[in-house]
PDB file of N, CA and C in Angstrom:
ATOM      1  N   UNK A   1     -74.506 -23.021  -4.389  1.00  0.00           N
ATOM      2  CA  UNK A   1     -73.986 -21.780  -3.971  1.00  0.00           C
ATOM      3  C   UNK A   1     -72.994 -21.953  -2.827  1.00  0.00           C
ATOM      4  N   UNK A   2     -73.235 -22.914  -1.982  1.00  0.00           N
ATOM      5  CA  UNK A   2     -72.346 -23.178  -0.858  1.00  0.00           C
ATOM      6  C   UNK A   2     -70.976 -23.599  -1.353  1.00  0.00           C
ATOM      7  N   UNK A   3     -70.976 -24.365  -2.454  1.00  0.00           N
ATOM      8  CA  UNK A   3     -69.696 -24.800  -2.988  1.00  0.00           C
ATOM      9  C   UNK A   3     -68.901 -23.623  -3.562  1.00  0.00           C
ATOM     10  N   UNK A   4     -69.562 -22.621  -4.073  1.00  0.00           N
ATOM     11  CA  UNK A   4     -68.888 -21.433  -4.587  1.00  0.00           C
ATOM     12  C   UNK A   4     -68.224 -20.687  -3.435  1.00  0.00           C
ATOM     13  N   UNK A   5     -68.963 -20.580  -2.313  1.00  0.00           N
ATOM     14  CA  UNK A   5     -68.391 -19.912  -1.131  1.00  0.00           C
ATOM     15  C   UNK A   5     -67.179 -20.674  -0.597  1.00  0.00           C
ATOM     16  N   UNK A   6     -67.301 -21.993  -0.574  1.00  0.00           N
ATOM     17  CA  UNK A   6     -66.196 -22.822  -0.096  1.00  0.00           C
ATOM     18  C   UNK A   6     -64.965 -22.641  -1.004  1.00  0.00           C
ATOM     19  N   UNK A   7     -65.227 -22.577  -2.327  1.00  0.00           N
ATOM     20  CA  UNK A   7     -64.126 -22.396  -3.279  1.00  0.00           C
ATOM     21  C   UNK A   7     -63.452 -21.033  -3.061  1.00  0.00           C
ATOM     22  N   UNK A   8     -64.239 -20.003  -2.865  1.00  0.00           N
ATOM     23  CA  UNK A   8     -63.696 -18.661  -2.656  1.00  0.00           C
ATOM     24  C   UNK A   8     -62.884 -18.603  -1.356  1.00  0.00           C
ATOM     25  N   UNK A   9     -63.402 -19.223  -0.313  1.00  0.00           N
ATOM     26  CA  UNK A   9     -62.701 -19.235   0.979  1.00  0.00           C
ATOM     27  C   UNK A   9     -61.401 -20.032   0.867  1.00  0.00           C
ATOM     28  N   UNK A  10     -61.437 -21.180   0.197  1.00  0.00           N
ATOM     29  CA  UNK A  10     -60.222 -21.986   0.049  1.00  0.00           C
ATOM     30  C   UNK A  10     -59.196 -21.258  -0.830  1.00  0.00           C
ATOM     31  N   UNK A  11     -59.682 -20.547  -1.861  1.00  0.00           N
ATOM     32  CA  UNK A  11     -58.780 -19.775  -2.715  1.00  0.00           C
ATOM     33  C   UNK A  11     -58.141 -18.643  -1.911  1.00  0.00           C
ATOM     34  N   UNK A  12     -58.952 -18.008  -1.060  1.00  0.00           N
ATOM     35  CA  UNK A  12     -58.435 -16.924  -0.216  1.00  0.00           C
ATOM     36  C   UNK A  12     -57.394 -17.470   0.755  1.00  0.00           C
ATOM     37  N   UNK A  13     -57.658 -18.638   1.352  1.00  0.00           N
ATOM     38  CA  UNK A  13     -56.691 -19.263   2.270  1.00  0.00           C
ATOM     39  C   UNK A  13     -55.393 -19.605   1.545  1.00  0.00           C
ATOM     40  N   UNK A  14     -55.535 -20.138   0.321  1.00  0.00           N
ATOM     41  CA  UNK A  14     -54.361 -20.488  -0.480  1.00  0.00           C
ATOM     42  C   UNK A  14     -53.565 -19.237  -0.852  1.00  0.00           C
ATOM     43  N   UNK A  15     -54.258 -18.189  -1.240  1.00  0.00           N
ATOM     44  CA  UNK A  15     -53.602 -16.929  -1.600  1.00  0.00           C
ATOM     45  C   UNK A  15     -52.927 -16.316  -0.377  1.00  0.00           C
ATOM     46  N   UNK A  16     -53.588 -16.412   0.767  1.00  0.00           N
ATOM     47  CA  UNK A  16     -52.998 -15.863   2.004  1.00  0.00           C
ATOM     48  C   UNK A  16     -51.737 -16.636   2.366  1.00  0.00           C
ATOM     49  N   UNK A  17     -51.746 -17.951   2.233  1.00  0.00           N
ATOM     50  CA  UNK A  17     -50.567 -18.767   2.548  1.00  0.00           C
ATOM     51  C   UNK A  17     -49.427 -18.427   1.575  1.00  0.00           C
ATOM     52  N   UNK A  18     -49.751 -18.294   0.305  1.00  0.00           N
ATOM     53  CA  UNK A  18     -48.745 -17.934  -0.700  1.00  0.00           C
ATOM     54  C   UNK A  18     -48.185 -16.543  -0.435  1.00  0.00           C
ATOM     55  N   UNK A  19     -49.038 -15.615  -0.125  1.00  0.00           N
ATOM     56  CA  UNK A  19     -48.600 -14.251   0.190  1.00  0.00           C
ATOM     57  C   UNK A  19     -47.711 -14.248   1.420  1.00  0.00           C
ATOM     58  N   UNK A  20     -48.030 -15.087   2.403  1.00  0.00           N
ATOM     59  CA  UNK A  20     -47.197 -15.207   3.605  1.00  0.00           C
ATOM     60  C   UNK A  20     -45.814 -15.739   3.272  1.00  0.00           C
ATOM     61  N   UNK A  21     -45.770 -16.748   2.394  1.00  0.00           N
ATOM     62  CA  UNK A  21     -44.476 -17.306   1.988  1.00  0.00           C
ATOM     63  C   UNK A  21     -43.651 -16.283   1.213  1.00  0.00           C
ATOM     64  N   UNK A  22     -44.306 -15.556   0.308  1.00  0.00           N
ATOM     65  CA  UNK A  22     -43.612 -14.526  -0.466  1.00  0.00           C
ATOM     66  C   UNK A  22     -43.092 -13.444   0.470  1.00  0.00           C
ATOM     67  N   UNK A  23     -43.912 -13.054   1.447  1.00  0.00           N
ATOM     68  CA  UNK A  23     -43.503 -12.028   2.410  1.00  0.00           C
ATOM     69  C   UNK A  23     -42.296 -12.495   3.228  1.00  0.00           C
ATOM     70  N   UNK A  24     -42.299 -13.761   3.641  1.00  0.00           N
ATOM     71  CA  UNK A  24     -41.170 -14.315   4.396  1.00  0.00           C
ATOM     72  C   UNK A  24     -39.909 -14.338   3.529  1.00  0.00           C
ATOM     73  N   UNK A  25     -40.058 -14.713   2.259  1.00  0.00           N
ATOM     74  CA  UNK A  25     -38.909 -14.752   1.349  1.00  0.00           C
ATOM     75  C   UNK A  25     -38.354 -13.348   1.137  1.00  0.00           C
ATOM     76  N   UNK A  26     -39.209 -12.366   0.984  1.00  0.00           N
ATOM     77  CA  UNK A  26     -38.771 -10.979   0.805  1.00  0.00           C
ATOM     78  C   UNK A  26     -38.057 -10.497   2.063  1.00  0.00           C
ATOM     79  N   UNK A  27     -38.572 -10.861   3.238  1.00  0.00           N
ATOM     80  CA  UNK A  27     -37.906 -10.491   4.500  1.00  0.00           C
ATOM     81  C   UNK A  27     -36.507 -11.110   4.586  1.00  0.00           C
ATOM     82  N   UNK A  28     -36.362 -12.370   4.158  1.00  0.00           N
ATOM     83  CA  UNK A  28     -35.045 -13.011   4.170  1.00  0.00           C
ATOM     84  C   UNK A  28     -34.089 -12.300   3.212  1.00  0.00           C
ATOM     85  N   UNK A  29     -34.592 -11.969   2.017  1.00  0.00           N
ATOM     86  CA  UNK A  29     -33.759 -11.260   1.043  1.00  0.00           C
ATOM     87  C   UNK A  29     -33.331  -9.912   1.595  1.00  0.00           C
ATOM     88  N   UNK A  30     -34.240  -9.218   2.255  1.00  0.00           N
ATOM     89  CA  UNK A  30     -33.942  -7.931   2.856  1.00  0.00           C
ATOM     90  C   UNK A  30     -32.872  -8.067   3.935  1.00  0.00           C
ATOM     91  N   UNK A  31     -32.974  -9.110   4.767  1.00  0.00           N
ATOM     92  CA  UNK A  31     -31.975  -9.359   5.819  1.00  0.00           C
ATOM     93  C   UNK A  31     -30.607  -9.638   5.216  1.00  0.00           C
ATOM     94  N   UNK A  32     -30.589 -10.477   4.174  1.00  0.00           N
ATOM     95  CA  UNK A  32     -29.324 -10.797   3.500  1.00  0.00           C
ATOM     96  C   UNK A  32     -28.723  -9.535   2.879  1.00  0.00           C
ATOM     97  N   UNK A  33     -29.555  -8.697   2.276  1.00  0.00           N
ATOM     98  CA  UNK A  33     -29.060  -7.463   1.671  1.00  0.00           C
ATOM     99  C   UNK A  33     -28.456  -6.542   2.732  1.00  0.00           C
ATOM    100  N   UNK A  34     -29.096  -6.437   3.895  1.00  0.00           N
ATOM    101  CA  UNK A  34     -28.556  -5.603   4.973  1.00  0.00           C
ATOM    102  C   UNK A  34     -27.216  -6.147   5.467  1.00  0.00           C
ATOM    103  N   UNK A  35     -27.108  -7.471   5.601  1.00  0.00           N
ATOM    104  CA  UNK A  35     -25.843  -8.073   6.032  1.00  0.00           C
ATOM    105  C   UNK A  35     -24.749  -7.823   4.997  1.00  0.00           C
ATOM    106  N   UNK A  36     -25.099  -7.964   3.726  1.00  0.00           N
ATOM    107  CA  UNK A  36     -24.109  -7.728   2.664  1.00  0.00           C
ATOM    108  C   UNK A  36     -23.651  -6.275   2.676  1.00  0.00           C
ATOM    109  N   UNK A  37     -24.567  -5.364   2.901  1.00  0.00           N
ATOM    110  CA  UNK A  37     -24.206  -3.945   2.953  1.00  0.00           C
ATOM    111  C   UNK A  37     -23.289  -3.671   4.130  1.00  0.00           C
ATOM    112  N   UNK A  38     -23.598  -4.266   5.268  1.00  0.00           N
ATOM    113  CA  UNK A  38     -22.759  -4.081   6.458  1.00  0.00           C
ATOM    114  C   UNK A  38     -21.355  -4.643   6.219  1.00  0.00           C
ATOM    115  N   UNK A  39     -21.285  -5.816   5.602  1.00  0.00           N
ATOM    116  CA  UNK A  39     -19.985  -6.429   5.309  1.00  0.00           C
ATOM    117  C   UNK A  39     -19.188  -5.576   4.330  1.00  0.00           C
ATOM    118  N   UNK A  40     -19.857  -5.057   3.330  1.00  0.00           N
ATOM    119  CA  UNK A  40     -19.189  -4.212   2.344  1.00  0.00           C
ATOM    120  C   UNK A  40     -18.640  -2.948   3.011  1.00  0.00           C
ATOM    121  N   UNK A  41     -19.401  -2.380   3.915  1.00  0.00           N
ATOM    122  CA  UNK A  41     -18.960  -1.183   4.622  1.00  0.00           C
ATOM    123  C   UNK A  41     -17.713  -1.482   5.450  1.00  0.00           C
ATOM    124  N   UNK A  42     -17.706  -2.631   6.132  1.00  0.00           N
ATOM    125  CA  UNK A  42     -16.536  -3.014   6.925  1.00  0.00           C
ATOM    126  C   UNK A  42     -15.326  -3.258   6.023  1.00  0.00           C
ATOM    127  N   UNK A  43     -15.531  -3.925   4.889  1.00  0.00           N
ATOM    128  CA  UNK A  43     -14.429  -4.177   3.962  1.00  0.00           C
ATOM    129  C   UNK A  43     -13.894  -2.879   3.394  1.00  0.00           C
ATOM    130  N   UNK A  44     -14.769  -1.938   3.114  1.00  0.00           N
ATOM    131  CA  UNK A  44     -14.344  -0.650   2.578  1.00  0.00           C
ATOM    132  C   UNK A  44     -13.479   0.077   3.591  1.00  0.00           C
ATOM    133  N   UNK A  45     -13.879   0.041   4.860  1.00  0.00           N
ATOM    134  CA  UNK A  45     -13.088   0.698   5.906  1.00  0.00           C
ATOM    135  C   UNK A  45     -11.720   0.020   6.041  1.00  0.00           C
ATOM    136  N   UNK A  46     -11.702  -1.301   6.002  1.00  0.00           N
ATOM    137  CA  UNK A  46     -10.432  -2.030   6.090  1.00  0.00           C
ATOM    138  C   UNK A  46      -9.534  -1.732   4.893  1.00  0.00           C
ATOM    139  N   UNK A  47     -10.141  -1.684   3.711  1.00  0.00           N
ATOM    140  CA  UNK A  47      -9.362  -1.399   2.505  1.00  0.00           C
ATOM    141  C   UNK A  47      -8.788   0.014   2.559  1.00  0.00           C
ATOM    142  N   UNK A  48      -9.572   0.974   3.039  1.00  0.00           N
ATOM    143  CA  UNK A  48      -9.074   2.342   3.145  1.00  0.00           C
ATOM    144  C   UNK A  48      -7.912   2.420   4.123  1.00  0.00           C
ATOM    145  N   UNK A  49      -8.024   1.714   5.230  1.00  0.00           N
ATOM    146  CA  UNK A  49      -6.928   1.693   6.205  1.00  0.00           C
ATOM    147  C   UNK A  49      -5.680   1.076   5.602  1.00  0.00           C
ATOM    148  N   UNK A  50      -5.847  -0.053   4.907  1.00  0.00           N
ATOM    149  CA  UNK A  50      -4.703  -0.736   4.280  1.00  0.00           C
ATOM    150  C   UNK A  50      -4.053   0.151   3.224  1.00  0.00           C
ATOM    151  N   UNK A  51      -4.857   0.788   2.384  1.00  0.00           N
ATOM    152  CA  UNK A  51      -4.285   1.650   1.353  1.00  0.00           C
ATOM    153  C   UNK A  51      -3.618   2.871   1.966  1.00  0.00           C
ATOM    154  N   UNK A  52      -4.137   3.349   3.078  1.00  0.00           N
ATOM    155  CA  UNK A  52      -3.492   4.457   3.781  1.00  0.00           C
ATOM    156  C   UNK A  52      -2.102   4.060   4.261  1.00  0.00           C
ATOM    157  N   UNK A  53      -1.996   2.849   4.804  1.00  0.00           N
ATOM    158  CA  UNK A  53      -0.687   2.362   5.259  1.00  0.00           C
ATOM    159  C   UNK A  53       0.271   2.176   4.084  1.00  0.00           C
ATOM    160  N   UNK A  54      -0.250   1.650   2.980  1.00  0.00           N
ATOM    161  CA  UNK A  54       0.583   1.463   1.787  1.00  0.00           C
ATOM    162  C   UNK A  54       1.072   2.812   1.271  1.00  0.00           C
ATOM    163  N   UNK A  55       0.189   3.794   1.255  1.00  0.00           N
ATOM    164  CA  UNK A  55       0.564   5.130   0.790  1.00  0.00           C
ATOM    165  C   UNK A  55       1.650   5.728   1.681  1.00  0.00           C
ATOM    166  N   UNK A  56       1.499   5.570   2.994  1.00  0.00           N
ATOM    167  CA  UNK A  56       2.495   6.085   3.920  1.00  0.00           C
ATOM    168  C   UNK A  56       3.842   5.403   3.706  1.00  0.00           C
ATOM    169  N   UNK A  57       3.820   4.080   3.540  1.00  0.00           N
ATOM    170  CA  UNK A  57       5.061   3.331   3.310  1.00  0.00           C
ATOM    171  C   UNK A  57       5.720   3.757   1.998  1.00  0.00           C
ATOM    172  N   UNK A  58       4.906   3.956   0.977  1.00  0.00           N
ATOM    173  CA  UNK A  58       5.437   4.363  -0.320  1.00  0.00           C
ATOM    174  C   UNK A  58       6.080   5.734  -0.239  1.00  0.00           C
ATOM    175  N   UNK A  59       5.403   6.666   0.433  1.00  0.00           N
ATOM    176  CA  UNK A  59       5.972   8.004   0.583  1.00  0.00           C
ATOM    177  C   UNK A  59       7.286   7.940   1.341  1.00  0.00           C
ATOM    178  N   UNK A  60       7.329   7.107   2.373  1.00  0.00           N
ATOM    179  CA  UNK A  60       8.551   6.964   3.157  1.00  0.00           C
ATOM    180  C   UNK A  60       9.681   6.385   2.318  1.00  0.00           C
ATOM    181  N   UNK A  61       9.365   5.385   1.498  1.00  0.00           N
ATOM    182  CA  UNK A  61      10.390   4.765   0.650  1.00  0.00           C
ATOM    183  C   UNK A  61      10.906   5.751  -0.388  1.00  0.00           C
ATOM    184  N   UNK A  62      10.009   6.517  -0.968  1.00  0.00           N
ATOM    185  CA  UNK A  62      10.425   7.502  -1.971  1.00  0.00           C
ATOM    186  C   UNK A  62      11.287   8.577  -1.313  1.00  0.00           C
ATOM    187  N   UNK A  63      10.859   9.037  -0.145  1.00  0.00           N
ATOM    188  CA  UNK A  63      11.631  10.052   0.574  1.00  0.00           C
ATOM    189  C   UNK A  63      13.006   9.495   0.935  1.00  0.00           C
ATOM    190  N   UNK A  64      13.050   8.236   1.390  1.00  0.00           N
ATOM    191  CA  UNK A  64      14.325   7.609   1.736  1.00  0.00           C
ATOM    192  C   UNK A  64      15.225   7.470   0.538  1.00  0.00           C
ATOM    193  N   UNK A  65      14.652   7.107  -0.603  1.00  0.00           N
ATOM    194  CA  UNK A  65      15.434   6.959  -1.820  1.00  0.00           C
ATOM    195  C   UNK A  65      15.984   8.302  -2.281  1.00  0.00           C
ATOM    196  N   UNK A  66      15.181   9.355  -2.166  1.00  0.00           N
ATOM    197  CA  UNK A  66      15.652  10.690  -2.559  1.00  0.00           C
ATOM    198  C   UNK A  66      16.784  11.147  -1.654  1.00  0.00           C
ATOM    199  N   UNK A  67      16.650  10.875  -0.353  1.00  0.00           N
ATOM    200  CA  UNK A  67      17.712  11.232   0.598  1.00  0.00           C
ATOM    201  C   UNK A  67      18.971  10.454   0.284  1.00  0.00           C
ATOM    202  N   UNK A  68      18.805   9.175  -0.030  1.00  0.00           N
ATOM    203  CA  UNK A  68      19.943   8.330  -0.357  1.00  0.00           C
ATOM    204  C   UNK A  68      20.632   8.832  -1.624  1.00  0.00           C
ATOM    205  N   UNK A  69      19.857   9.234  -2.626  1.00  0.00           N
ATOM    206  CA  UNK A  69      20.448   9.756  -3.856  1.00  0.00           C
ATOM    207  C   UNK A  69      21.214  11.039  -3.568  1.00  0.00           C
ATOM    208  N   UNK A  70      20.678  11.865  -2.685  1.00  0.00           N
ATOM    209  CA  UNK A  70      21.357  13.092  -2.293  1.00  0.00           C
ATOM    210  C   UNK A  70      22.701  12.752  -1.634  1.00  0.00           C
ATOM    211  N   UNK A  71      22.700  11.741  -0.782  1.00  0.00           N
ATOM    212  CA  UNK A  71      23.932  11.317  -0.114  1.00  0.00           C
ATOM    213  C   UNK A  71      24.949  10.782  -1.120  1.00  0.00           C
ATOM    214  N   UNK A  72      24.478  10.019  -2.081  1.00  0.00           N
ATOM    215  CA  UNK A  72      25.372   9.476  -3.108  1.00  0.00           C
ATOM    216  C   UNK A  72      26.008  10.624  -3.893  1.00  0.00           C
ATOM    217  N   UNK A  73      25.194  11.596  -4.255  1.00  0.00           N
ATOM    218  CA  UNK A  73      25.727  12.758  -4.989  1.00  0.00           C
ATOM    219  C   UNK A  73      26.781  13.493  -4.163  1.00  0.00           C
ATOM    220  N   UNK A  74      26.519  13.664  -2.872  1.00  0.00           N
ATOM    221  CA  UNK A  74      27.489  14.331  -1.995  1.00  0.00           C
ATOM    222  C   UNK A  74      28.795  13.544  -1.922  1.00  0.00           C
ATOM    223  N   UNK A  75      28.691  12.225  -1.819  1.00  0.00           N
ATOM    224  CA  UNK A  75      29.897  11.396  -1.759  1.00  0.00           C
ATOM    225  C   UNK A  75      30.693  11.492  -3.051  1.00  0.00           C
ATOM    226  N   UNK A  76      30.005  11.510  -4.182  1.00  0.00           N
ATOM    227  CA  UNK A  76      30.707  11.617  -5.467  1.00  0.00           C
ATOM    228  C   UNK A  76      31.369  12.985  -5.598  1.00  0.00           C
ATOM    229  N   UNK A  77      30.718  14.039  -5.123  1.00  0.00           N
ATOM    230  CA  UNK A  77      31.342  15.375  -5.142  1.00  0.00           C
ATOM    231  C   UNK A  77      32.589  15.391  -4.273  1.00  0.00           C
ATOM    232  N   UNK A  78      32.487  14.748  -3.100  1.00  0.00           N
ATOM    233  CA  UNK A  78      33.641  14.688  -2.193  1.00  0.00           C
ATOM    234  C   UNK A  78      34.803  13.938  -2.847  1.00  0.00           C
ATOM    235  N   UNK A  79      34.461  12.841  -3.549  1.00  0.00           N
ATOM    236  CA  UNK A  79      35.502  12.082  -4.253  1.00  0.00           C
ATOM    237  C   UNK A  79      36.190  12.943  -5.311  1.00  0.00           C
ATOM    238  N   UNK A  80      35.410  13.719  -6.023  1.00  0.00           N
ATOM    239  CA  UNK A  80      35.999  14.581  -7.050  1.00  0.00           C
ATOM    240  C   UNK A  80      36.954  15.597  -6.411  1.00  0.00           C
ATOM    241  N   UNK A  81      36.557  16.168  -5.288  1.00  0.00           N
ATOM    242  CA  UNK A  81      37.420  17.130  -4.585  1.00  0.00           C
ATOM    243  C   UNK A  81      38.694  16.455  -4.083  1.00  0.00           C
ATOM    244  N   UNK A  82      38.543  15.250  -3.510  1.00  0.00           N
ATOM    245  CA  UNK A  82      39.713  14.532  -3.006  1.00  0.00           C
ATOM    246  C   UNK A  82      40.667  14.175  -4.154  1.00  0.00           C
ATOM    247  N   UNK A  83      40.120  13.813  -5.289  1.00  0.00           N
ATOM    248  CA  UNK A  83      40.975  13.487  -6.444  1.00  0.00           C
ATOM    249  C   UNK A  83      41.743  14.710  -6.927  1.00  0.00           C
ATOM    250  N   UNK A  84      41.107  15.885  -6.860  1.00  0.00           N
ATOM    251  CA  UNK A  84      41.819  17.103  -7.231  1.00  0.00           C
ATOM    252  C   UNK A  84      43.014  17.331  -6.319  1.00  0.00           C
ATOM    253  N   UNK A  85      42.777  17.119  -4.999  1.00  0.00           N
ATOM    254  CA  UNK A  85      43.869  17.283  -4.029  1.00  0.00           C
ATOM    255  C   UNK A  85      44.944  16.238  -4.270  1.00  0.00           C
ATOM    256  N   UNK A  86      44.525  15.003  -4.531  1.00  0.00           N
ATOM    257  CA  UNK A  86      45.460  13.891  -4.733  1.00  0.00           C
ATOM    258  C   UNK A  86      46.399  14.162  -5.910  1.00  0.00           C
ATOM    259  N   UNK A  87      45.837  14.597  -7.013  1.00  0.00           N
ATOM    260  CA  UNK A  87      46.663  14.789  -8.202  1.00  0.00           C
ATOM    261  C   UNK A  87      47.337  16.162  -8.234  1.00  0.00           C
ATOM    262  N   UNK A  88      47.018  17.013  -7.260  1.00  0.00           N
ATOM    263  CA  UNK A  88      47.654  18.317  -7.204  1.00  0.00           C
ATOM    264  C   UNK A  88      48.733  18.419  -6.151  1.00  0.00           C
ATOM    265  N   UNK A  89      48.935  17.371  -5.382  1.00  0.00           N
ATOM    266  CA  UNK A  89      49.925  17.430  -4.298  1.00  0.00           C
ATOM    267  C   UNK A  89      51.271  16.856  -4.729  1.00  0.00           C
ATOM    268  N   UNK A  90      52.291  17.319  -4.051  1.00  0.00           N
ATOM    269  CA  UNK A  90      53.636  16.774  -4.268  1.00  0.00           C
ATOM    270  C   UNK A  90      54.172  16.137  -2.985  1.00  0.00           C
ATOM    271  N   UNK A  91      53.414  16.281  -1.911  1.00  0.00           N
ATOM    272  CA  UNK A  91      53.834  15.713  -0.632  1.00  0.00           C
ATOM    273  C   UNK A  91      53.358  14.263  -0.511  1.00  0.00           C
ATOM    274  N   UNK A  92      54.300  13.395  -0.158  1.00  0.00           N
ATOM    275  CA  UNK A  92      53.978  11.972  -0.048  1.00  0.00           C
ATOM    276  C   UNK A  92      52.972  11.722   1.078  1.00  0.00           C
ATOM    277  N   UNK A  93      53.110  12.369   2.220  1.00  0.00           N
ATOM    278  CA  UNK A  93      52.203  12.158   3.350  1.00  0.00           C
ATOM    279  C   UNK A  93      50.787  12.636   3.020  1.00  0.00           C
ATOM    280  N   UNK A  94      50.687  13.772   2.337  1.00  0.00           N
ATOM    281  CA  UNK A  94      49.362  14.287   1.953  1.00  0.00           C
ATOM    282  C   UNK A  94      48.710  13.344   0.935  1.00  0.00           C
ATOM    283  N   UNK A  95      49.521  12.831   0.007  1.00  0.00           N
ATOM    284  CA  UNK A  95      49.030  11.884  -0.993  1.00  0.00           C
ATOM    285  C   UNK A  95      48.479  10.643  -0.314  1.00  0.00           C
ATOM    286  N   UNK A  96      49.194  10.091   0.664  1.00  0.00           N
ATOM    287  CA  UNK A  96      48.756   8.885   1.378  1.00  0.00           C
ATOM    288  C   UNK A  96      47.470   9.165   2.173  1.00  0.00           C
ATOM    289  N   UNK A  97      47.395  10.311   2.842  1.00  0.00           N
ATOM    290  CA  UNK A  97      46.206  10.660   3.624  1.00  0.00           C
ATOM    291  C   UNK A  97      44.979  10.809   2.729  1.00  0.00           C
ATOM    292  N   UNK A  98      45.167  11.465   1.597  1.00  0.00           N
ATOM    293  CA  UNK A  98      44.053  11.647   0.646  1.00  0.00           C
ATOM    294  C   UNK A  98      43.622  10.304   0.085  1.00  0.00           C
ATOM    295  N   UNK A  99      44.583   9.417  -0.202  1.00  0.00           N
ATOM    296  CA  UNK A  99      44.249   8.074  -0.702  1.00  0.00           C
ATOM    297  C   UNK A  99      43.368   7.314   0.281  1.00  0.00           C
ATOM    298  N   UNK A 100      43.691   7.415   1.584  1.00  0.00           N
ATOM    299  CA  UNK A 100      42.871   6.755   2.614  1.00  0.00           C
ATOM    300  C   UNK A 100      41.456   7.326   2.618  1.00  0.00           C
ATOM    301  N   UNK A 101      41.357   8.649   2.549  1.00  0.00           N
ATOM    302  CA  UNK A 101      40.041   9.281   2.533  1.00  0.00           C
ATOM    303  C   UNK A 101      39.246   8.879   1.288  1.00  0.00           C
ATOM    304  N   UNK A 102      39.942   8.773   0.159  1.00  0.00           N
ATOM    305  CA  UNK A 102      39.272   8.376  -1.087  1.00  0.00           C
ATOM    306  C   UNK A 102      38.721   6.963  -0.958  1.00  0.00           C
ATOM    307  N   UNK A 103      39.518   6.048  -0.404  1.00  0.00           N
ATOM    308  CA  UNK A 103      39.067   4.662  -0.261  1.00  0.00           C
ATOM    309  C   UNK A 103      37.852   4.574   0.656  1.00  0.00           C
ATOM    310  N   UNK A 104      37.880   5.318   1.776  1.00  0.00           N
ATOM    311  CA  UNK A 104      36.730   5.325   2.693  1.00  0.00           C
ATOM    312  C   UNK A 104      35.494   5.879   1.986  1.00  0.00           C
ATOM    313  N   UNK A 105      35.674   6.959   1.271  1.00  0.00           N
ATOM    314  CA  UNK A 105      34.548   7.587   0.570  1.00  0.00           C
ATOM    315  C   UNK A 105      34.005   6.671  -0.521  1.00  0.00           C
ATOM    316  N   UNK A 106      34.891   5.994  -1.255  1.00  0.00           N
ATOM    317  CA  UNK A 106      34.445   5.060  -2.290  1.00  0.00           C
ATOM    318  C   UNK A 106      33.648   3.912  -1.683  1.00  0.00           C
ATOM    319  N   UNK A 107      34.101   3.410  -0.532  1.00  0.00           N
ATOM    320  CA  UNK A 107      33.365   2.327   0.140  1.00  0.00           C
ATOM    321  C   UNK A 107      31.970   2.794   0.566  1.00  0.00           C
ATOM    322  N   UNK A 108      31.886   4.007   1.103  1.00  0.00           N
ATOM    323  CA  UNK A 108      30.577   4.544   1.496  1.00  0.00           C
ATOM    324  C   UNK A 108      29.699   4.708   0.266  1.00  0.00           C
ATOM    325  N   UNK A 109      30.276   5.186  -0.829  1.00  0.00           N
ATOM    326  CA  UNK A 109      29.525   5.401  -2.062  1.00  0.00           C
ATOM    327  C   UNK A 109      28.985   4.082  -2.608  1.00  0.00           C
ATOM    328  N   UNK A 110      29.832   3.052  -2.629  1.00  0.00           N
ATOM    329  CA  UNK A 110      29.388   1.726  -3.099  1.00  0.00           C
ATOM    330  C   UNK A 110      28.273   1.181  -2.224  1.00  0.00           C
ATOM    331  N   UNK A 111      28.416   1.321  -0.907  1.00  0.00           N
ATOM    332  CA  UNK A 111      27.387   0.819   0.013  1.00  0.00           C
ATOM    333  C   UNK A 111      26.067   1.563  -0.212  1.00  0.00           C
ATOM    334  N   UNK A 112      26.149   2.873  -0.397  1.00  0.00           N
ATOM    335  CA  UNK A 112      24.928   3.662  -0.629  1.00  0.00           C
ATOM    336  C   UNK A 112      24.272   3.292  -1.948  1.00  0.00           C
ATOM    337  N   UNK A 113      25.074   3.109  -2.986  1.00  0.00           N
ATOM    338  CA  UNK A 113      24.512   2.759  -4.291  1.00  0.00           C
ATOM    339  C   UNK A 113      23.871   1.375  -4.263  1.00  0.00           C
ATOM    340  N   UNK A 114      24.486   0.421  -3.568  1.00  0.00           N
ATOM    341  CA  UNK A 114      23.896  -0.919  -3.503  1.00  0.00           C
ATOM    342  C   UNK A 114      22.599  -0.886  -2.694  1.00  0.00           C
ATOM    343  N   UNK A 115      22.554  -0.064  -1.668  1.00  0.00           N
ATOM    344  CA  UNK A 115      21.330   0.093  -0.886  1.00  0.00           C
ATOM    345  C   UNK A 115      20.253   0.748  -1.730  1.00  0.00           C
ATOM    346  N   UNK A 116      20.616   1.733  -2.544  1.00  0.00           N
ATOM    347  CA  UNK A 116      19.665   2.418  -3.416  1.00  0.00           C
ATOM    348  C   UNK A 116      19.109   1.461  -4.450  1.00  0.00           C
ATOM    349  N   UNK A 117      19.937   0.577  -4.999  1.00  0.00           N
ATOM    350  CA  UNK A 117      19.462  -0.396  -5.980  1.00  0.00           C
ATOM    351  C   UNK A 117      18.482  -1.381  -5.352  1.00  0.00           C
ATOM    352  N   UNK A 118      18.713  -1.729  -4.094  1.00  0.00           N
ATOM    353  CA  UNK A 118      17.795  -2.655  -3.427  1.00  0.00           C
ATOM    354  C   UNK A 118      16.437  -2.013  -3.210  1.00  0.00           C
ATOM    355  N   UNK A 119      16.394  -0.705  -2.990  1.00  0.00           N
ATOM    356  CA  UNK A 119      15.121  -0.016  -2.808  1.00  0.00           C
ATOM    357  C   UNK A 119      14.312   0.026  -4.102  1.00  0.00           C
ATOM    358  N   UNK A 120      15.027   0.053  -5.226  1.00  0.00           N
ATOM    359  CA  UNK A 120      14.329   0.106  -6.504  1.00  0.00           C
ATOM    360  C   UNK A 120      13.842  -1.274  -6.846  1.00  0.00           C
TER     361      UNK A 120
END
C-alpha cells in the first residue's frame, strides 16, 4: 500500500511540474501575443500617417495639374486673340508688336505644357 501512495505522490509531482511548464509556456505565448498586438498598433498608426501624407501630396499634385491646365488654356486663348490681331492689321509696327507678344506667349505655353507632361 505504501508503494501505491508513493506512486500517486510521484505522479502528482510529475503532473504539477508538467502543469507548471505548460503554464509558463502559455504565459510566454501571451506575452508574445501582446507584443505583436502592440507592434501592429504602432505600424497601423505609422501607415495611416504615411497614407495621409500621400493623399495630401496627391491632392496637391492634382490641384496643381488642374491649375496648370487652366493656365495652358488661357495662353492658347490669348494666342488665338493675338493671331486675330496679327492677321487683321495693316500697320507694320502693330504687326511686329503682336509678333513679339505671340512669341512670348508661345514660349510660356510650351514651358507650361512640358511642365504638365512631367507631372503626368
